[in-house]
Each structure stands twice: as structure tokens, then as C-alpha cells.
């Protein structure tokens, strides 16, 4: 009887530890996703302007913004 109670307590303890570890891993993944989402938006695209010759057509650059598309 005592051994069954001890085994049951160990199983409950193990399940609790696994649940806490899973919750911590989920929070860490969520935090990493938020950091990557907001850190990437601050840098923006890095483009170098190149000069166009007299015969070349003008190329417009379009980028997505929260209000729609912007053409530069």
C-alpha cells in the first residue's frame, strides 16, 4: 500500500515537472518570436542607390507598409 502511494506521488510529481517545463519552453518560443518580429522591422531594407544612365528606364521600388503599398 505504501509503495503504491509513493509511486503515485512520483508520477504526479513527474507530470507536474513536465507540464512546467513545457510551459517555460512555450513562453521562451513566444518571446523569441516577438523579439524577431519587432527587431526585424526596425532595421528596414538596406538598399544602395545606383545611378541610371541616359538610356535606362526608371525602376521604381515598392514596399509594403501598414497602410498599403508605397512606391519609391
PDB file of N, CA and C in Angstrom:
ATOM      1  N   UNK A   1       0.819  -1.188   0.000  1.00  0.00           N
ATOM      2  CA  UNK A   1       0.000   0.000   0.000  1.00  0.00           C
ATOM      3  C   UNK A   1       0.867   1.257   0.000  1.00  0.00           C
ATOM      4  N   UNK A   2       1.897   1.282   0.845  1.00  0.00           N
ATOM      5  CA  UNK A   2       2.791   2.434   0.926  1.00  0.00           C
ATOM      6  C   UNK A   2       3.515   2.647  -0.392  1.00  0.00           C
ATOM      7  N   UNK A   3       3.962   1.574  -1.035  1.00  0.00           N
ATOM      8  CA  UNK A   3       4.685   1.676  -2.306  1.00  0.00           C
ATOM      9  C   UNK A   3       3.772   2.222  -3.402  1.00  0.00           C
ATOM     10  N   UNK A   4       2.530   1.849  -3.421  1.00  0.00           N
ATOM     11  CA  UNK A   4       1.602   2.356  -4.430  1.00  0.00           C
ATOM     12  C   UNK A   4       1.389   3.857  -4.269  1.00  0.00           C
ATOM     13  N   UNK A   5       1.289   4.310  -3.030  1.00  0.00           N
ATOM     14  CA  UNK A   5       1.132   5.742  -2.773  1.00  0.00           C
ATOM     15  C   UNK A   5       2.383   6.489  -3.221  1.00  0.00           C
ATOM     16  N   UNK A   6       3.551   5.952  -2.923  1.00  0.00           N
ATOM     17  CA  UNK A   6       4.810   6.594  -3.318  1.00  0.00           C
ATOM     18  C   UNK A   6       4.943   6.641  -4.844  1.00  0.00           C
ATOM     19  N   UNK A   7       4.602   5.560  -5.510  1.00  0.00           N
ATOM     20  CA  UNK A   7       4.677   5.528  -6.977  1.00  0.00           C
ATOM     21  C   UNK A   7       3.677   6.537  -7.559  1.00  0.00           C
ATOM     22  N   UNK A   8       2.499   6.613  -7.010  1.00  0.00           N
ATOM     23  CA  UNK A   8       1.510   7.586  -7.468  1.00  0.00           C
ATOM     24  C   UNK A   8       1.985   9.022  -7.279  1.00  0.00           C
ATOM     25  N   UNK A   9       2.610   9.296  -6.121  1.00  0.00           N
ATOM     26  CA  UNK A   9       3.132  10.635  -5.876  1.00  0.00           C
ATOM     27  C   UNK A   9       4.265  10.975  -6.842  1.00  0.00           C
ATOM     28  N   UNK A  10       5.103  10.013  -7.136  1.00  0.00           N
ATOM     29  CA  UNK A  10       6.208  10.236  -8.088  1.00  0.00           C
ATOM     30  C   UNK A  10       5.662  10.519  -9.489  1.00  0.00           C
ATOM     31  N   UNK A  11       4.609   9.792  -9.885  1.00  0.00           N
ATOM     32  CA  UNK A  11       4.014  10.032 -11.203  1.00  0.00           C
ATOM     33  C   UNK A  11       3.399  11.424 -11.286  1.00  0.00           C
ATOM     34  N   UNK A  12       2.706  11.843 -10.236  1.00  0.00           N
ATOM     35  CA  UNK A  12       2.123  13.187 -10.215  1.00  0.00           C
ATOM     36  C   UNK A  12       3.216  14.250 -10.234  1.00  0.00           C
ATOM     37  N   UNK A  13       4.274  14.040  -9.487  1.00  0.00           N
ATOM     38  CA  UNK A  13       5.396  14.974  -9.472  1.00  0.00           C
ATOM     39  C   UNK A  13       6.048  15.062 -10.847  1.00  0.00           C
ATOM     40  N   UNK A  14       6.263  13.920 -11.479  1.00  0.00           N
ATOM     41  CA  UNK A  14       6.868  13.896 -12.817  1.00  0.00           C
ATOM     42  C   UNK A  14       5.977  14.612 -13.838  1.00  0.00           C
ATOM     43  N   UNK A  15       4.690  14.369 -13.772  1.00  0.00           N
ATOM     44  CA  UNK A  15       3.771  15.038 -14.692  1.00  0.00           C
ATOM     45  C   UNK A  15       3.774  16.548 -14.455  1.00  0.00           C
ATOM     46  N   UNK A  16       3.848  16.969 -13.224  1.00  0.00           N
ATOM     47  CA  UNK A  16       3.914  18.402 -12.918  1.00  0.00           C
ATOM     48  C   UNK A  16       5.178  19.046 -13.441  1.00  0.00           C
ATOM     49  N   UNK A  17       6.299  18.365 -13.280  1.00  0.00           N
ATOM     50  CA  UNK A  17       7.571  18.895 -13.779  1.00  0.00           C
ATOM     51  C   UNK A  17       7.544  19.009 -15.300  1.00  0.00           C
ATOM     52  N   UNK A  18       7.007  17.995 -15.965  1.00  0.00           N
ATOM     53  CA  UNK A  18       6.910  18.039 -17.435  1.00  0.00           C
ATOM     54  C   UNK A  18       5.998  19.186 -17.872  1.00  0.00           C
ATOM     55  N   UNK A  19       4.905  19.407 -17.163  1.00  0.00           N
ATOM     56  CA  UNK A  19       3.989  20.493 -17.516  1.00  0.00           C
ATOM     57  C   UNK A  19       4.662  21.855 -17.344  1.00  0.00           C
ATOM     58  N   UNK A  20       5.406  22.036 -16.280  1.00  0.00           N
ATOM     59  CA  UNK A  20       6.101  23.311 -16.047  1.00  0.00           C
ATOM     60  C   UNK A  20       7.184  23.525 -17.101  1.00  0.00           C
ATOM     61  N   UNK A  21       7.918  22.479 -17.439  1.00  0.00           N
ATOM     62  CA  UNK A  21       8.965  22.615 -18.460  1.00  0.00           C
ATOM     63  C   UNK A  21       8.363  22.961 -19.820  1.00  0.00           C
ATOM     64  N   UNK A  22       7.233  22.365 -20.146  1.00  0.00           N
ATOM     65  CA  UNK A  22       6.572  22.655 -21.413  1.00  0.00           C
ATOM     66  C   UNK A  22       6.087  24.099 -21.444  1.00  0.00           C
ATOM     67  N   UNK A  23       5.543  24.571 -20.336  1.00  0.00           N
ATOM     68  CA  UNK A  23       5.083  25.961 -20.271  1.00  0.00           C
ATOM     69  C   UNK A  23       6.253  26.932 -20.429  1.00  0.00           C
ATOM     70  N   UNK A  24       7.370  26.646 -19.789  1.00  0.00           N
ATOM     71  CA  UNK A  24       8.552  27.506 -19.901  1.00  0.00           C
ATOM     72  C   UNK A  24       9.064  27.516 -21.338  1.00  0.00           C
ATOM     73  N   UNK A  25       9.105  26.362 -21.982  1.00  0.00           N
ATOM     74  CA  UNK A  25       9.560  26.302 -23.373  1.00  0.00           C
ATOM     75  C   UNK A  25       8.619  27.093 -24.281  1.00  0.00           C
ATOM     76  N   UNK A  26       7.319  27.021 -24.053  1.00  0.00           N
ATOM     77  CA  UNK A  26       6.365  27.785 -24.850  1.00  0.00           C
ATOM     78  C   UNK A  26       6.530  29.275 -24.659  1.00  0.00           C
ATOM     79  N   UNK A  27       6.751  29.709 -23.429  1.00  0.00           N
ATOM     80  CA  UNK A  27       6.979  31.134 -23.177  1.00  0.00           C
ATOM     81  C   UNK A  27       8.258  31.621 -23.838  1.00  0.00           C
ATOM     82  N   UNK A  28       9.297  30.793 -23.806  1.00  0.00           N
ATOM     83  CA  UNK A  28      10.557  31.177 -24.442  1.00  0.00           C
ATOM     84  C   UNK A  28      10.396  31.278 -25.960  1.00  0.00           C
ATOM     85  N   UNK A  29       9.673  30.348 -26.557  1.00  0.00           N
ATOM     86  CA  UNK A  29       9.433  30.409 -28.003  1.00  0.00           C
ATOM     87  C   UNK A  29       8.603  31.640 -28.367  1.00  0.00           C
ATOM     88  N   UNK A  30       7.595  31.931 -27.576  1.00  0.00           N
ATOM     89  CA  UNK A  30       6.781  33.117 -27.831  1.00  0.00           C
ATOM     90  C   UNK A  30       7.581  34.401 -27.702  1.00  0.00           C
ATOM     91  N   UNK A  31       8.429  34.490 -26.683  1.00  0.00           N
ATOM     92  CA  UNK A  31       9.265  35.684 -26.510  1.00  0.00           C
ATOM     93  C   UNK A  31      10.247  35.837 -27.670  1.00  0.00           C
ATOM     94  N   UNK A  32      10.833  34.724 -28.102  1.00  0.00           N
ATOM     95  CA  UNK A  32      11.769  34.789 -29.237  1.00  0.00           C
ATOM     96  C   UNK A  32      11.049  35.228 -30.509  1.00  0.00           C
ATOM     97  N   UNK A  33       9.835  34.756 -30.710  1.00  0.00           N
ATOM     98  CA  UNK A  33       9.072  35.154 -31.898  1.00  0.00           C
ATOM     99  C   UNK A  33       8.750  36.647 -31.860  1.00  0.00           C
ATOM    100  N   UNK A  34       8.396  37.165 -30.696  1.00  0.00           N
ATOM    101  CA  UNK A  34       8.113  38.596 -30.592  1.00  0.00           C
ATOM    102  C   UNK A  34       9.365  39.430 -30.819  1.00  0.00           C
ATOM    103  N   UNK A  35      10.478  38.999 -30.268  1.00  0.00           N
ATOM    104  CA  UNK A  35      11.729  39.737 -30.464  1.00  0.00           C
ATOM    105  C   UNK A  35      12.107  39.754 -31.935  1.00  0.00           C
ATOM    106  N   UNK A  36      12.000  38.611 -32.603  1.00  0.00           N
ATOM    107  CA  UNK A  36      12.349  38.564 -34.025  1.00  0.00           C
ATOM    108  C   UNK A  36      11.380  39.394 -34.845  1.00  0.00           C
ATOM    109  N   UNK A  37      10.118  39.425 -34.474  1.00  0.00           N
ATOM    110  CA  UNK A  37       9.113  40.185 -35.230  1.00  0.00           C
ATOM    111  C   UNK A  37       9.375  41.678 -35.150  1.00  0.00           C
ATOM    112  N   UNK A  38       9.638  42.174 -33.939  1.00  0.00           N
ATOM    113  CA  UNK A  38       9.798  43.603 -33.774  1.00  0.00           C
ATOM    114  C   UNK A  38      11.222  44.085 -34.040  1.00  0.00           C
ATOM    115  N   UNK A  39      12.218  43.249 -33.866  1.00  0.00           N
ATOM    116  CA  UNK A  39      13.593  43.659 -34.141  1.00  0.00           C
ATOM    117  C   UNK A  39      13.845  43.746 -35.642  1.00  0.00           C
ATOM    118  N   UNK A  40      13.196  42.928 -36.429  1.00  0.00           N
ATOM    119  CA  UNK A  40      13.414  42.948 -37.873  1.00  0.00           C
ATOM    120  C   UNK A  40      12.812  44.190 -38.506  1.00  0.00           C
ATOM    121  N   UNK A  41      11.731  44.723 -37.951  1.00  0.00           N
ATOM    122  CA  UNK A  41      11.081  45.879 -38.532  1.00  0.00           C
ATOM    123  C   UNK A  41      11.848  47.173 -38.343  1.00  0.00           C
ATOM    124  N   UNK A  42      12.709  47.249 -37.359  1.00  0.00           N
ATOM    125  CA  UNK A  42      13.437  48.484 -37.083  1.00  0.00           C
ATOM    126  C   UNK A  42      14.566  48.728 -38.075  1.00  0.00           C
ATOM    127  N   UNK A  43      15.211  47.685 -38.520  1.00  0.00           N
ATOM    128  CA  UNK A  43      16.352  47.856 -39.402  1.00  0.00           C
ATOM    129  C   UNK A  43      15.922  48.303 -40.785  1.00  0.00           C
ATOM    130  N   UNK A  44      14.882  47.711 -41.303  1.00  0.00           N
ATOM    131  CA  UNK A  44      14.393  48.062 -42.625  1.00  0.00           C
ATOM    132  C   UNK A  44      15.325  47.540 -43.709  1.00  0.00           C
ATOM    133  N   UNK A  45      14.875  47.613 -44.928  1.00  0.00           N
ATOM    134  CA  UNK A  45      15.724  47.138 -46.021  1.00  0.00           C
ATOM    135  C   UNK A  45      16.857  48.112 -46.296  1.00  0.00           C
ATOM    136  N   UNK A  46      18.021  47.570 -46.533  1.00  0.00           N
ATOM    137  CA  UNK A  46      19.174  48.407 -46.849  1.00  0.00           C
ATOM    138  C   UNK A  46      19.431  48.304 -48.346  1.00  0.00           C
ATOM    139  N   UNK A  47      19.250  49.426 -49.007  1.00  0.00           N
ATOM    140  CA  UNK A  47      19.434  49.447 -50.448  1.00  0.00           C
ATOM    141  C   UNK A  47      20.440  50.522 -50.800  1.00  0.00           C
ATOM    142  N   UNK A  48      21.192  50.288 -51.817  1.00  0.00           N
ATOM    143  CA  UNK A  48      22.112  51.305 -52.309  1.00  0.00           C
ATOM    144  C   UNK A  48      21.537  51.884 -53.590  1.00  0.00           C
ATOM    145  N   UNK A  49      21.584  53.182 -53.678  1.00  0.00           N
ATOM    146  CA  UNK A  49      21.064  53.837 -54.876  1.00  0.00           C
ATOM    147  C   UNK A  49      22.113  53.748 -55.980  1.00  0.00           C
ATOM    148  N   UNK A  50      21.680  53.347 -57.139  1.00  0.00           N
ATOM    149  CA  UNK A  50      22.615  53.305 -58.257  1.00  0.00           C
ATOM    150  C   UNK A  50      22.193  54.346 -59.277  1.00  0.00           C
ATOM    151  N   UNK A  51      23.144  54.893 -59.932  1.00  0.00           N
ATOM    152  CA  UNK A  51      22.834  55.922 -60.916  1.00  0.00           C
ATOM    153  C   UNK A  51      22.378  55.276 -62.209  1.00  0.00           C
ATOM    154  N   UNK A  52      21.431  55.925 -62.840  1.00  0.00           N
ATOM    155  CA  UNK A  52      20.891  55.394 -64.081  1.00  0.00           C
ATOM    156  C   UNK A  52      21.449  56.189 -65.254  1.00  0.00           C
ATOM    157  N   UNK A  53      21.744  55.477 -66.293  1.00  0.00           N
ATOM    158  CA  UNK A  53      22.264  56.118 -67.491  1.00  0.00           C
ATOM    159  C   UNK A  53      21.162  56.793 -68.276  1.00  0.00           C
ATOM    160  N   UNK A  54      21.530  57.498 -69.308  1.00  0.00           N
ATOM    161  CA  UNK A  54      20.525  58.240 -70.077  1.00  0.00           C
ATOM    162  C   UNK A  54      19.540  57.340 -70.814  1.00  0.00           C
ATOM    163  N   UNK A  55      19.924  56.125 -71.191  1.00  0.00           N
ATOM    164  CA  UNK A  55      19.029  55.256 -71.938  1.00  0.00           C
ATOM    165  C   UNK A  55      18.267  54.257 -71.092  1.00  0.00           C
ATOM    166  N   UNK A  56      18.540  54.195 -69.807  1.00  0.00           N
ATOM    167  CA  UNK A  56      17.912  53.187 -68.954  1.00  0.00           C
ATOM    168  C   UNK A  56      16.535  53.648 -68.476  1.00  0.00           C
ATOM    169  N   UNK A  57      15.593  52.729 -68.402  1.00  0.00           N
ATOM    170  CA  UNK A  57      14.285  53.102 -67.853  1.00  0.00           C
ATOM    171  C   UNK A  57      14.371  53.286 -66.340  1.00  0.00           C
ATOM    172  N   UNK A  58      13.473  54.079 -65.794  1.00  0.00           N
ATOM    173  CA  UNK A  58      13.433  54.329 -64.353  1.00  0.00           C
ATOM    174  C   UNK A  58      12.771  53.130 -63.681  1.00  0.00           C
ATOM    175  N   UNK A  59      13.423  52.598 -62.654  1.00  0.00           N
ATOM    176  CA  UNK A  59      12.876  51.468 -61.906  1.00  0.00           C
ATOM    177  C   UNK A  59      12.374  51.974 -60.562  1.00  0.00           C
ATOM    178  N   UNK A  60      11.115  51.715 -60.281  1.00  0.00           N
ATOM    179  CA  UNK A  60      10.532  52.120 -59.011  1.00  0.00           C
ATOM    180  C   UNK A  60      10.594  50.960 -58.032  1.00  0.00           C
ATOM    181  N   UNK A  61      10.828  51.293 -56.775  1.00  0.00           N
ATOM    182  CA  UNK A  61      10.867  50.292 -55.709  1.00  0.00           C
ATOM    183  C   UNK A  61       9.567  50.388 -54.919  1.00  0.00           C
ATOM    184  N   UNK A  62       8.909  49.274 -54.698  1.00  0.00           N
ATOM    185  CA  UNK A  62       7.675  49.244 -53.907  1.00  0.00           C
ATOM    186  C   UNK A  62       7.915  48.432 -52.646  1.00  0.00           C
ATOM    187  N   UNK A  63       7.341  48.918 -51.543  1.00  0.00           N
ATOM    188  CA  UNK A  63       7.448  48.176 -50.288  1.00  0.00           C
ATOM    189  C   UNK A  63       6.116  48.225 -49.567  1.00  0.00           C
ATOM    190  N   UNK A  64       5.881  47.207 -48.769  1.00  0.00           N
ATOM    191  CA  UNK A  64       4.615  47.080 -48.043  1.00  0.00           C
ATOM    192  C   UNK A  64       4.698  47.882 -46.751  1.00  0.00           C
ATOM    193  N   UNK A  65       3.689  48.674 -46.466  1.00  0.00           N
ATOM    194  CA  UNK A  65       3.589  49.431 -45.222  1.00  0.00           C
ATOM    195  C   UNK A  65       2.268  49.063 -44.539  1.00  0.00           C
ATOM    196  N   UNK A  66       2.086  49.467 -43.283  1.00  0.00           N
ATOM    197  CA  UNK A  66       0.818  49.152 -42.616  1.00  0.00           C
ATOM    198  C   UNK A  66      -0.400  49.754 -43.316  1.00  0.00           C
ATOM    199  N   UNK A  67      -0.215  50.842 -44.053  1.00  0.00           N
ATOM    200  CA  UNK A  67      -1.336  51.480 -44.746  1.00  0.00           C
ATOM    201  C   UNK A  67      -1.480  51.012 -46.198  1.00  0.00           C
ATOM    202  N   UNK A  68      -0.644  50.106 -46.627  1.00  0.00           N
ATOM    203  CA  UNK A  68      -0.710  49.626 -48.011  1.00  0.00           C
ATOM    204  C   UNK A  68       0.681  49.631 -48.641  1.00  0.00           C
ATOM    205  N   UNK A  69       0.724  49.804 -49.934  1.00  0.00           N
ATOM    206  CA  UNK A  69       1.990  49.775 -50.655  1.00  0.00           C
ATOM    207  C   UNK A  69       2.489  51.200 -50.886  1.00  0.00           C
ATOM    208  N   UNK A  70       3.808  51.369 -50.780  1.00  0.00           N
ATOM    209  CA  UNK A  70       4.446  52.656 -51.038  1.00  0.00           C
ATOM    210  C   UNK A  70       5.460  52.466 -52.140  1.00  0.00           C
ATOM    211  N   UNK A  71       5.430  53.350 -53.117  1.00  0.00           N
ATOM    212  CA  UNK A  71       6.363  53.287 -54.234  1.00  0.00           C
ATOM    213  C   UNK A  71       7.387  54.385 -54.075  1.00  0.00           C
ATOM    214  N   UNK A  72       8.649  54.008 -54.160  1.00  0.00           N
ATOM    215  CA  UNK A  72       9.734  54.986 -54.037  1.00  0.00           C
ATOM    216  C   UNK A  72      10.456  55.110 -55.356  1.00  0.00           C
TER     217      UNK A  72
END
